[in-house]
Amino acid sequence: MRKGRICVIMACLAVALAGCGKQHDHKGKKPLVEVAGKFLYQEDLLTALPLNLSAEDSVLFAENYIRNWVEDVLLFDKAENNVRDGEKVKALVENYRKSLLMHAYQEELIKQQLQEEITQTEIQEFYDNNKDLFVLDNPVLKGLFIKVPLQSAGLADVRRWYKRNTDEAIENLEKYSLRHAVTYDYFYDRWRPLEEIGAMMPQKEWESAKNGLRKASDVELKDTAFHYFLHVEEFQGKGEQRPLDFAQEEIKEILINLKRVDFINRVKEDLYQQASEKNKINYLYLDTDE
């Protein structure tokens, strides 16, 4: 579809192609516009072109994109030739580049090393000492959900299995779901927001059923096409304490941020010591020969 739309655009912008220099090596790319020795290529326009635009809107987008690109190139060319302190600008650009590289490197170090330094004991202590930070805004639950067509075989078995948290029942449900279920979601091992589960239910029936949810409760609903089975193994309501395993990743990020400054300072100190030991630092102002 993108190629089809770009063909329409190219036909409407054929004049732009005529002015492109043919002596320049474009490395296989198709030039659309040339300004001040700079080229805009068809490939760049394709990358920027949003999906799901009509042919008419695609042409309009392309025209605006090309116009903006030309104006930017002209402005940059004018600035490059008229800014007096070009060296100062280059220095600013280089400093910005250095900052970006250092930030990227620091973030990679934090990702690789600092995350591993956060212990489960630290997470537990932070959770215990800051419980007021971890209050649920919405209910969460652990359990199992299965949705099957109304006329599916073996519904009596499903009604027995989905209520039981046993290996045998779970195995039977998993095998059954491969042949009959439209949706099968096992989440005994993780907390799910109640609203996520509710989004899979028939809304009219769910509005009344959700108010009775609690630990170890079961819900069976149906509409004109499907049966919906939900077993709630564990349940935490709005305003209750957020479970530790539900808050764990957030706590880990908080601890990483608290340790970030100290960690980066340690990295810098280690790099300085290594460079000093290998005589990579020359303090020229300490040269006593002059």
C-alpha atoms as a PDB file:
ATOM      1  CA  MET A   1       0.000   0.000   0.000  1.00  0.00           C
ATOM      2  CA  ARG A   2       2.837   2.407   0.814  1.00  0.00           C
ATOM      3  CA  LYS A   3       4.425   1.780  -2.611  1.00  0.00           C
ATOM      4  CA  GLY A   4       1.109   2.402  -4.303  1.00  0.00           C
ATOM      5  CA  ARG A   5       0.628   5.686  -2.509  1.00  0.00           C
ATOM      6  CA  ILE A   6       4.173   6.790  -3.156  1.00  0.00           C
ATOM      7  CA  CYS A   7       3.671   6.152  -6.869  1.00  0.00           C
ATOM      8  CA  VAL A   8       0.779   8.608  -6.799  1.00  0.00           C
ATOM      9  CA  ILE A   9       2.968  11.079  -4.944  1.00  0.00           C
ATOM     10  CA  MET A  10       5.821  10.646  -7.396  1.00  0.00           C
ATOM     11  CA  ALA A  11       3.504  11.309 -10.308  1.00  0.00           C
ATOM     12  CA  CYS A  12       2.292  14.497  -8.682  1.00  0.00           C
ATOM     13  CA  LEU A  13       5.857  15.559  -7.868  1.00  0.00           C
ATOM     14  CA  ALA A  14       7.492  14.600 -11.161  1.00  0.00           C
ATOM     15  CA  VAL A  15       8.759  18.125 -11.627  1.00  0.00           C
ATOM     16  CA  ALA A  16      10.879  17.757  -8.506  1.00  0.00           C
ATOM     17  CA  LEU A  17      12.701  14.785  -9.967  1.00  0.00           C
ATOM     18  CA  ALA A  18      13.651  16.623 -13.119  1.00  0.00           C
ATOM     19  CA  GLY A  19      15.900  19.038 -11.247  1.00  0.00           C
ATOM     20  CA  CYS A  20      18.017  16.429  -9.457  1.00  0.00           C
ATOM     21  CA  GLY A  21      21.645  16.270 -10.501  1.00  0.00           C
ATOM     22  CA  LYS A  22      22.628  13.110 -12.352  1.00  0.00           C
ATOM     23  CA  GLN A  23      26.373  13.369 -11.696  1.00  0.00           C
ATOM     24  CA  HIS A  24      26.062  12.746  -7.969  1.00  0.00           C
ATOM     25  CA  ASP A  25      26.480   9.215  -6.562  1.00  0.00           C
ATOM     26  CA  HIS A  26      23.198   8.554  -4.778  1.00  0.00           C
ATOM     27  CA  LYS A  27      24.217   5.011  -3.734  1.00  0.00           C
ATOM     28  CA  GLY A  28      21.103   3.470  -5.224  1.00  0.00           C
ATOM     29  CA  LYS A  29      18.660   5.921  -3.665  1.00  0.00           C
ATOM     30  CA  LYS A  30      16.146   7.922  -5.688  1.00  0.00           C
ATOM     31  CA  PRO A  31      16.613  11.699  -5.309  1.00  0.00           C
ATOM     32  CA  LEU A  32      13.546  13.915  -5.175  1.00  0.00           C
ATOM     33  CA  VAL A  33      14.944  17.370  -4.460  1.00  0.00           C
ATOM     34  CA  GLU A  34      18.383  18.996  -4.443  1.00  0.00           C
ATOM     35  CA  VAL A  35      19.105  22.204  -2.547  1.00  0.00           C
ATOM     36  CA  ALA A  36      22.522  23.661  -1.818  1.00  0.00           C
ATOM     37  CA  GLY A  37      24.194  20.347  -2.517  1.00  0.00           C
ATOM     38  CA  LYS A  38      21.854  18.449  -0.179  1.00  0.00           C
ATOM     39  CA  PHE A  39      19.457  15.757  -1.440  1.00  0.00           C
ATOM     40  CA  LEU A  40      16.090  14.551  -0.204  1.00  0.00           C
ATOM     41  CA  TYR A  41      15.487  10.947  -1.235  1.00  0.00           C
ATOM     42  CA  GLN A  42      12.340   9.005  -1.939  1.00  0.00           C
ATOM     43  CA  GLU A  43      13.371   6.524   0.759  1.00  0.00           C
ATOM     44  CA  ASP A  44      13.397   9.308   3.384  1.00  0.00           C
ATOM     45  CA  LEU A  45       9.940  10.423   2.351  1.00  0.00           C
ATOM     46  CA  LEU A  46       8.633   6.838   2.486  1.00  0.00           C
ATOM     47  CA  THR A  47       9.953   6.428   6.026  1.00  0.00           C
ATOM     48  CA  ALA A  48       8.262   9.627   7.198  1.00  0.00           C
ATOM     49  CA  LEU A  49       4.948   8.929   5.448  1.00  0.00           C
ATOM     50  CA  PRO A  50       2.254   7.952   7.997  1.00  0.00           C
ATOM     51  CA  LEU A  51       0.261   4.778   7.478  1.00  0.00           C
ATOM     52  CA  ASN A  52      -3.420   4.684   6.518  1.00  0.00           C
ATOM     53  CA  LEU A  53      -3.485   7.984   4.627  1.00  0.00           C
ATOM     54  CA  SER A  54      -5.616   8.347   1.518  1.00  0.00           C
ATOM     55  CA  ALA A  55      -3.882   9.056  -1.801  1.00  0.00           C
ATOM     56  CA  GLU A  56      -4.967  12.689  -1.593  1.00  0.00           C
ATOM     57  CA  ASP A  57      -3.711  13.101   1.993  1.00  0.00           C
ATOM     58  CA  SER A  58      -0.464  11.323   1.094  1.00  0.00           C
ATOM     59  CA  VAL A  59       0.214  13.838  -1.669  1.00  0.00           C
ATOM     60  CA  LEU A  60      -0.542  16.720   0.693  1.00  0.00           C
ATOM     61  CA  PHE A  61       1.754  15.272   3.367  1.00  0.00           C
ATOM     62  CA  ALA A  62       4.548  14.767   0.807  1.00  0.00           C
ATOM     63  CA  GLU A  63       4.268  18.302  -0.514  1.00  0.00           C
ATOM     64  CA  ASN A  64       4.429  19.756   3.014  1.00  0.00           C
ATOM     65  CA  TYR A  65       7.298  17.469   3.999  1.00  0.00           C
ATOM     66  CA  ILE A  66       9.326  18.463   0.934  1.00  0.00           C
ATOM     67  CA  ARG A  67       8.596  22.153   1.470  1.00  0.00           C
ATOM     68  CA  ASN A  68       9.670  21.958   5.128  1.00  0.00           C
ATOM     69  CA  TRP A  69      12.807  20.038   4.190  1.00  0.00           C
ATOM     70  CA  VAL A  70      13.771  22.634   1.564  1.00  0.00           C
ATOM     71  CA  GLU A  71      13.179  25.516   3.987  1.00  0.00           C
ATOM     72  CA  ASP A  72      15.271  23.811   6.695  1.00  0.00           C
ATOM     73  CA  VAL A  73      18.156  23.223   4.285  1.00  0.00           C
ATOM     74  CA  LEU A  74      18.044  26.823   3.070  1.00  0.00           C
ATOM     75  CA  LEU A  75      17.934  28.185   6.611  1.00  0.00           C
ATOM     76  CA  PHE A  76      20.799  25.944   7.708  1.00  0.00           C
ATOM     77  CA  ASP A  77      22.860  26.932   4.668  1.00  0.00           C
ATOM     78  CA  LYS A  78      22.229  30.615   5.364  1.00  0.00           C
ATOM     79  CA  ALA A  79      23.099  30.234   9.036  1.00  0.00           C
ATOM     80  CA  GLU A  80      26.242  28.246   8.281  1.00  0.00           C
ATOM     81  CA  ASN A  81      27.509  31.022   6.012  1.00  0.00           C
ATOM     82  CA  ASN A  82      26.521  33.934   8.243  1.00  0.00           C
ATOM     83  CA  VAL A  83      27.037  32.906  11.860  1.00  0.00           C
ATOM     84  CA  ARG A  84      30.285  34.568  12.783  1.00  0.00           C
ATOM     85  CA  ASP A  85      31.360  32.384  15.654  1.00  0.00           C
ATOM     86  CA  GLY A  86      31.168  29.076  13.810  1.00  0.00           C
ATOM     87  CA  GLU A  87      33.798  27.503  16.058  1.00  0.00           C
ATOM     88  CA  LYS A  88      31.664  28.221  19.106  1.00  0.00           C
ATOM     89  CA  VAL A  89      28.710  26.467  17.494  1.00  0.00           C
ATOM     90  CA  LYS A  90      30.888  23.489  16.584  1.00  0.00           C
ATOM     91  CA  ALA A  91      32.097  23.327  20.181  1.00  0.00           C
ATOM     92  CA  LEU A  92      28.492  23.361  21.443  1.00  0.00           C
ATOM     93  CA  VAL A  93      27.563  20.573  19.022  1.00  0.00           C
ATOM     94  CA  GLU A  94      30.573  18.509  20.084  1.00  0.00           C
ATOM     95  CA  ASN A  95      29.762  19.011  23.775  1.00  0.00           C
ATOM     96  CA  TYR A  96      26.179  17.939  23.126  1.00  0.00           C
ATOM     97  CA  ARG A  97      27.415  14.863  21.264  1.00  0.00           C
ATOM     98  CA  LYS A  98      29.697  13.980  24.177  1.00  0.00           C
ATOM     99  CA  SER A  99      26.817  14.381  26.632  1.00  0.00           C
ATOM    100  CA  LEU A 100      24.595  12.076  24.562  1.00  0.00           C
ATOM    101  CA  LEU A 101      27.311   9.421  24.325  1.00  0.00           C
ATOM    102  CA  MET A 102      28.099   9.583  28.042  1.00  0.00           C
ATOM    103  CA  HIS A 103      24.411   9.404  28.941  1.00  0.00           C
ATOM    104  CA  ALA A 104      23.889   6.383  26.673  1.00  0.00           C
ATOM    105  CA  TYR A 105      26.934   4.659  28.190  1.00  0.00           C
ATOM    106  CA  GLN A 106      25.811   5.421  31.745  1.00  0.00           C
ATOM    107  CA  GLU A 107      22.326   4.081  31.099  1.00  0.00           C
ATOM    108  CA  GLU A 108      23.785   0.892  29.637  1.00  0.00           C
ATOM    109  CA  LEU A 109      26.023   0.454  32.687  1.00  0.00           C
ATOM    110  CA  ILE A 110      23.073   0.987  35.001  1.00  0.00           C
ATOM    111  CA  LYS A 111      21.042  -1.539  33.034  1.00  0.00           C
ATOM    112  CA  GLN A 112      23.828  -4.131  33.104  1.00  0.00           C
ATOM    113  CA  GLN A 113      25.240  -3.681  36.603  1.00  0.00           C
ATOM    114  CA  LEU A 114      23.135  -1.586  38.954  1.00  0.00           C
ATOM    115  CA  GLN A 115      19.987  -3.655  38.427  1.00  0.00           C
ATOM    116  CA  GLU A 116      21.903  -6.735  39.535  1.00  0.00           C
ATOM    117  CA  GLU A 117      23.001  -4.956  42.713  1.00  0.00           C
ATOM    118  CA  ILE A 118      19.417  -4.468  43.908  1.00  0.00           C
ATOM    119  CA  THR A 119      18.712  -7.348  46.280  1.00  0.00           C
ATOM    120  CA  GLN A 120      15.392  -8.841  47.277  1.00  0.00           C
ATOM    121  CA  THR A 121      16.163  -7.825  50.866  1.00  0.00           C
ATOM    122  CA  GLU A 122      16.450  -4.163  49.818  1.00  0.00           C
ATOM    123  CA  ILE A 123      13.179  -4.397  47.908  1.00  0.00           C
ATOM    124  CA  GLN A 124      11.424  -5.960  50.913  1.00  0.00           C
ATOM    125  CA  GLU A 125      12.799  -3.330  53.316  1.00  0.00           C
ATOM    126  CA  PHE A 126      11.729  -0.452  51.078  1.00  0.00           C
ATOM    127  CA  TYR A 127       8.276  -1.990  50.722  1.00  0.00           C
ATOM    128  CA  ASP A 128       7.895  -2.472  54.483  1.00  0.00           C
ATOM    129  CA  ASN A 129       9.091   1.060  55.279  1.00  0.00           C
ATOM    130  CA  ASN A 130       6.975   2.814  52.640  1.00  0.00           C
ATOM    131  CA  LYS A 131       3.672   0.978  52.607  1.00  0.00           C
ATOM    132  CA  ASP A 132       1.734   4.209  52.203  1.00  0.00           C
ATOM    133  CA  LEU A 133       3.241   4.464  48.695  1.00  0.00           C
ATOM    134  CA  PHE A 134       1.790   1.124  47.668  1.00  0.00           C
ATOM    135  CA  VAL A 135      -1.972   1.362  47.943  1.00  0.00           C
ATOM    136  CA  LEU A 136      -4.127  -0.023  45.153  1.00  0.00           C
ATOM    137  CA  ASP A 137      -6.098   2.440  43.045  1.00  0.00           C
ATOM    138  CA  ASN A 138      -7.934  -0.466  41.427  1.00  0.00           C
ATOM    139  CA  PRO A 139      -8.483  -4.141  42.344  1.00  0.00           C
ATOM    140  CA  VAL A 140      -6.054  -6.843  41.206  1.00  0.00           C
ATOM    141  CA  LEU A 141      -6.379 -10.605  41.135  1.00  0.00           C
ATOM    142  CA  LYS A 142      -4.680 -13.898  40.378  1.00  0.00           C
ATOM    143  CA  GLY A 143      -6.497 -16.799  38.792  1.00  0.00           C
ATOM    144  CA  LEU A 144      -7.646 -18.297  35.537  1.00  0.00           C
ATOM    145  CA  PHE A 145      -9.990 -17.285  32.721  1.00  0.00           C
ATOM    146  CA  ILE A 146     -11.429 -19.333  29.871  1.00  0.00           C
ATOM    147  CA  LYS A 147     -13.898 -18.369  27.149  1.00  0.00           C
ATOM    148  CA  VAL A 148     -15.588 -21.040  25.025  1.00  0.00           C
ATOM    149  CA  PRO A 149     -18.373 -21.080  22.418  1.00  0.00           C
ATOM    150  CA  LEU A 150     -21.864 -21.618  23.787  1.00  0.00           C
ATOM    151  CA  GLN A 151     -22.342 -25.035  22.169  1.00  0.00           C
ATOM    152  CA  SER A 152     -18.922 -26.464  23.070  1.00  0.00           C
ATOM    153  CA  ALA A 153     -18.670 -30.071  24.184  1.00  0.00           C
ATOM    154  CA  GLY A 154     -17.521 -30.965  27.685  1.00  0.00           C
ATOM    155  CA  LEU A 155     -18.840 -27.903  29.518  1.00  0.00           C
ATOM    156  CA  ALA A 156     -19.576 -29.959  32.625  1.00  0.00           C
ATOM    157  CA  ASP A 157     -15.892 -30.872  32.823  1.00  0.00           C
ATOM    158  CA  VAL A 158     -14.872 -27.226  32.360  1.00  0.00           C
ATOM    159  CA  ARG A 159     -17.140 -26.248  35.269  1.00  0.00           C
ATOM    160  CA  ARG A 160     -15.268 -28.696  37.509  1.00  0.00           C
ATOM    161  CA  TRP A 161     -11.748 -27.968  36.297  1.00  0.00           C
ATOM    162  CA  TYR A 162     -11.695 -24.175  36.266  1.00  0.00           C
ATOM    163  CA  LYS A 163     -12.516 -23.989  39.990  1.00  0.00           C
ATOM    164  CA  ARG A 164      -9.608 -26.196  41.069  1.00  0.00           C
ATOM    165  CA  ASN A 165      -6.020 -25.064  41.474  1.00  0.00           C
ATOM    166  CA  THR A 166      -4.509 -28.509  40.968  1.00  0.00           C
ATOM    167  CA  ASP A 167      -1.989 -29.745  38.417  1.00  0.00           C
ATOM    168  CA  GLU A 168      -4.492 -32.255  37.059  1.00  0.00           C
ATOM    169  CA  ALA A 169      -7.270 -29.687  36.611  1.00  0.00           C
ATOM    170  CA  ILE A 170      -4.941 -27.146  35.004  1.00  0.00           C
ATOM    171  CA  GLU A 171      -3.537 -29.757  32.626  1.00  0.00           C
ATOM    172  CA  ASN A 172      -7.039 -30.838  31.614  1.00  0.00           C
ATOM    173  CA  LEU A 173      -8.078 -27.235  30.986  1.00  0.00           C
ATOM    174  CA  GLU A 174      -4.988 -26.516  28.905  1.00  0.00           C
ATOM    175  CA  LYS A 175      -5.627 -29.550  26.720  1.00  0.00           C
ATOM    176  CA  TYR A 176      -9.304 -28.652  26.405  1.00  0.00           C
ATOM    177  CA  SER A 177      -8.514 -25.028  25.500  1.00  0.00           C
ATOM    178  CA  LEU A 178      -6.336 -26.092  22.565  1.00  0.00           C
ATOM    179  CA  ARG A 179      -9.371 -27.557  20.825  1.00  0.00           C
ATOM    180  CA  HIS A 180     -12.298 -25.529  22.145  1.00  0.00           C
ATOM    181  CA  ALA A 181     -11.355 -22.242  23.820  1.00  0.00           C
ATOM    182  CA  VAL A 182     -11.477 -18.861  22.147  1.00  0.00           C
ATOM    183  CA  THR A 183      -9.423 -17.427  25.038  1.00  0.00           C
ATOM    184  CA  TYR A 184      -7.478 -19.182  27.764  1.00  0.00           C
ATOM    185  CA  ASP A 185      -5.522 -17.100  30.294  1.00  0.00           C
ATOM    186  CA  TYR A 186      -3.617 -18.663  33.182  1.00  0.00           C
ATOM    187  CA  PHE A 187      -2.442 -16.039  35.679  1.00  0.00           C
ATOM    188  CA  TYR A 188      -2.073 -17.830  38.989  1.00  0.00           C
ATOM    189  CA  ASP A 189       1.557 -16.670  38.927  1.00  0.00           C
ATOM    190  CA  ARG A 190       1.001 -12.939  38.439  1.00  0.00           C
ATOM    191  CA  TRP A 191      -1.403 -10.171  39.425  1.00  0.00           C
ATOM    192  CA  ARG A 192      -3.731  -8.771  36.781  1.00  0.00           C
ATOM    193  CA  PRO A 193      -5.775  -5.552  37.031  1.00  0.00           C
ATOM    194  CA  LEU A 194      -9.469  -6.363  37.376  1.00  0.00           C
ATOM    195  CA  GLU A 195     -10.285  -4.010  34.497  1.00  0.00           C
ATOM    196  CA  GLU A 196      -8.166  -6.137  32.114  1.00  0.00           C
ATOM    197  CA  ILE A 197     -10.203  -9.217  32.956  1.00  0.00           C
ATOM    198  CA  GLY A 198     -13.434  -7.243  32.805  1.00  0.00           C
ATOM    199  CA  ALA A 199     -12.629  -6.131  29.267  1.00  0.00           C
ATOM    200  CA  MET A 200     -12.945  -9.783  28.156  1.00  0.00           C
ATOM    201  CA  MET A 201     -16.355 -10.263  29.789  1.00  0.00           C
ATOM    202  CA  PRO A 202     -19.882  -9.484  28.532  1.00  0.00           C
ATOM    203  CA  GLN A 203     -20.266  -6.016  30.015  1.00  0.00           C
ATOM    204  CA  LYS A 204     -23.880  -6.075  31.164  1.00  0.00           C
ATOM    205  CA  GLU A 205     -23.475  -9.321  33.114  1.00  0.00           C
ATOM    206  CA  TRP A 206     -20.009  -8.357  34.394  1.00  0.00           C
ATOM    207  CA  GLU A 207     -21.198  -5.125  36.054  1.00  0.00           C
ATOM    208  CA  SER A 208     -23.114  -7.042  38.701  1.00  0.00           C
ATOM    209  CA  ALA A 209     -20.795 -10.051  38.932  1.00  0.00           C
ATOM    210  CA  LYS A 210     -17.590  -8.090  39.650  1.00  0.00           C
ATOM    211  CA  ASN A 211     -18.954  -6.615  42.879  1.00  0.00           C
ATOM    212  CA  GLY A 212     -19.022 -10.040  44.511  1.00  0.00           C
ATOM    213  CA  LEU A 213     -15.434 -10.982  43.720  1.00  0.00           C
ATOM    214  CA  ARG A 214     -13.185 -12.091  46.563  1.00  0.00           C
ATOM    215  CA  LYS A 215     -10.448 -14.610  47.224  1.00  0.00           C
ATOM    216  CA  ALA A 216     -11.332 -18.156  46.079  1.00  0.00           C
ATOM    217  CA  SER A 217     -14.464 -17.080  44.205  1.00  0.00           C
ATOM    218  CA  ASP A 218     -15.781 -18.311  40.870  1.00  0.00           C
ATOM    219  CA  VAL A 219     -17.731 -16.570  38.126  1.00  0.00           C
ATOM    220  CA  GLU A 220     -19.588 -18.118  35.201  1.00  0.00           C
ATOM    221  CA  LEU A 221     -21.267 -15.814  32.696  1.00  0.00           C
ATOM    222  CA  LYS A 222     -22.703 -16.243  29.231  1.00  0.00           C
ATOM    223  CA  ASP A 223     -24.089 -14.182  26.390  1.00  0.00           C
ATOM    224  CA  THR A 224     -25.624 -15.182  23.067  1.00  0.00           C
ATOM    225  CA  ALA A 225     -22.376 -16.690  21.771  1.00  0.00           C
ATOM    226  CA  PHE A 226     -19.989 -17.697  24.596  1.00  0.00           C
ATOM    227  CA  HIS A 227     -19.522 -19.070  28.095  1.00  0.00           C
ATOM    228  CA  TYR A 228     -17.069 -17.144  30.331  1.00  0.00           C
ATOM    229  CA  PHE A 229     -15.400 -18.866  33.292  1.00  0.00           C
ATOM    230  CA  LEU A 230     -13.265 -16.990  35.850  1.00  0.00           C
ATOM    231  CA  HIS A 231     -11.627 -18.460  38.935  1.00  0.00           C
ATOM    232  CA  VAL A 232     -10.231 -15.937  41.415  1.00  0.00           C
ATOM    233  CA  GLU A 233      -7.442 -17.525  43.428  1.00  0.00           C
ATOM    234  CA  GLU A 234      -6.313 -14.307  45.157  1.00  0.00           C
ATOM    235  CA  PHE A 235      -7.901 -10.868  45.288  1.00  0.00           C
ATOM    236  CA  GLN A 236      -6.846  -7.430  46.540  1.00  0.00           C
ATOM    237  CA  GLY A 237      -9.415  -4.633  46.469  1.00  0.00           C
ATOM    238  CA  LYS A 238      -9.166  -0.916  45.856  1.00  0.00           C
ATOM    239  CA  GLY A 239      -7.518   0.880  48.790  1.00  0.00           C
ATOM    240  CA  GLU A 240      -5.803  -2.276  50.041  1.00  0.00           C
ATOM    241  CA  GLN A 241      -2.072  -2.832  50.201  1.00  0.00           C
ATOM    242  CA  ARG A 242      -0.507  -3.463  46.818  1.00  0.00           C
ATOM    243  CA  PRO A 243       1.081  -6.952  46.869  1.00  0.00           C
ATOM    244  CA  LEU A 244       4.876  -6.942  46.939  1.00  0.00           C
ATOM    245  CA  ASP A 245       5.223  -9.004  43.765  1.00  0.00           C
ATOM    246  CA  PHE A 246       2.927  -6.519  42.002  1.00  0.00           C
ATOM    247  CA  ALA A 247       4.990  -3.530  43.205  1.00  0.00           C
ATOM    248  CA  GLN A 248       8.415  -5.143  42.877  1.00  0.00           C
ATOM    249  CA  GLU A 249       9.477  -3.695  39.508  1.00  0.00           C
ATOM    250  CA  GLU A 250       8.415  -0.196  40.529  1.00  0.00           C
ATOM    251  CA  ILE A 251      10.383  -0.491  43.782  1.00  0.00           C
ATOM    252  CA  LYS A 252      13.411  -1.696  41.857  1.00  0.00           C
ATOM    253  CA  GLU A 253      13.273   1.383  39.610  1.00  0.00           C
ATOM    254  CA  ILE A 254      12.984   3.648  42.661  1.00  0.00           C
ATOM    255  CA  LEU A 255      16.026   2.028  44.282  1.00  0.00           C
ATOM    256  CA  ILE A 256      18.012   2.276  41.048  1.00  0.00           C
ATOM    257  CA  ASN A 257      17.250   5.990  40.822  1.00  0.00           C
ATOM    258  CA  LEU A 258      18.258   6.495  44.452  1.00  0.00           C
ATOM    259  CA  LYS A 259      21.578   4.765  43.785  1.00  0.00           C
ATOM    260  CA  ARG A 260      22.156   6.270  40.351  1.00  0.00           C
ATOM    261  CA  VAL A 261      24.281   9.280  41.376  1.00  0.00           C
ATOM    262  CA  ASP A 262      26.502   7.278  43.714  1.00  0.00           C
ATOM    263  CA  PHE A 263      26.915   4.550  41.106  1.00  0.00           C
ATOM    264  CA  ILE A 264      27.973   6.975  38.355  1.00  0.00           C
ATOM    265  CA  ASN A 265      30.418   8.675  40.714  1.00  0.00           C
ATOM    266  CA  ARG A 266      31.948   5.283  41.515  1.00  0.00           C
ATOM    267  CA  VAL A 267      32.271   4.530  37.799  1.00  0.00           C
ATOM    268  CA  LYS A 268      34.022   7.852  37.207  1.00  0.00           C
ATOM    269  CA  GLU A 269      36.357   7.286  40.138  1.00  0.00           C
ATOM    270  CA  ASP A 270      37.246   3.795  38.905  1.00  0.00           C
ATOM    271  CA  LEU A 271      37.982   5.104  35.417  1.00  0.00           C
ATOM    272  CA  TYR A 272      40.160   7.858  36.875  1.00  0.00           C
ATOM    273  CA  GLN A 273      42.129   5.422  39.034  1.00  0.00           C
ATOM    274  CA  GLN A 274      42.660   3.025  36.121  1.00  0.00           C
ATOM    275  CA  ALA A 275      43.853   5.833  33.866  1.00  0.00           C
ATOM    276  CA  SER A 276      46.206   7.102  36.580  1.00  0.00           C
ATOM    277  CA  GLU A 277      47.710   3.667  37.180  1.00  0.00           C
ATOM    278  CA  LYS A 278      48.376   3.265  33.446  1.00  0.00           C
ATOM    279  CA  ASN A 279      49.864   6.779  33.173  1.00  0.00           C
ATOM    280  CA  LYS A 280      47.254   7.870  30.658  1.00  0.00           C
ATOM    281  CA  ILE A 281      46.813  11.292  32.287  1.00  0.00           C
ATOM    282  CA  ASN A 282      49.418  13.976  31.633  1.00  0.00           C
ATOM    283  CA  TYR A 283      49.107  17.090  33.787  1.00  0.00           C
ATOM    284  CA  LEU A 284      51.079  19.448  31.554  1.00  0.00           C
ATOM    285  CA  TYR A 285      50.723  22.387  33.930  1.00  0.00           C
ATOM    286  CA  LEU A 286      52.793  20.441  36.465  1.00  0.00           C
ATOM    287  CA  ASP A 287      55.748  20.225  34.061  1.00  0.00           C
ATOM    288  CA  THR A 288      58.610  21.829  36.007  1.00  0.00           C
ATOM    289  CA  ASP A 289      60.970  22.047  33.015  1.00  0.00           C
ATOM    290  CA  GLU A 290      59.399  25.263  31.794  1.00  0.00           C
END
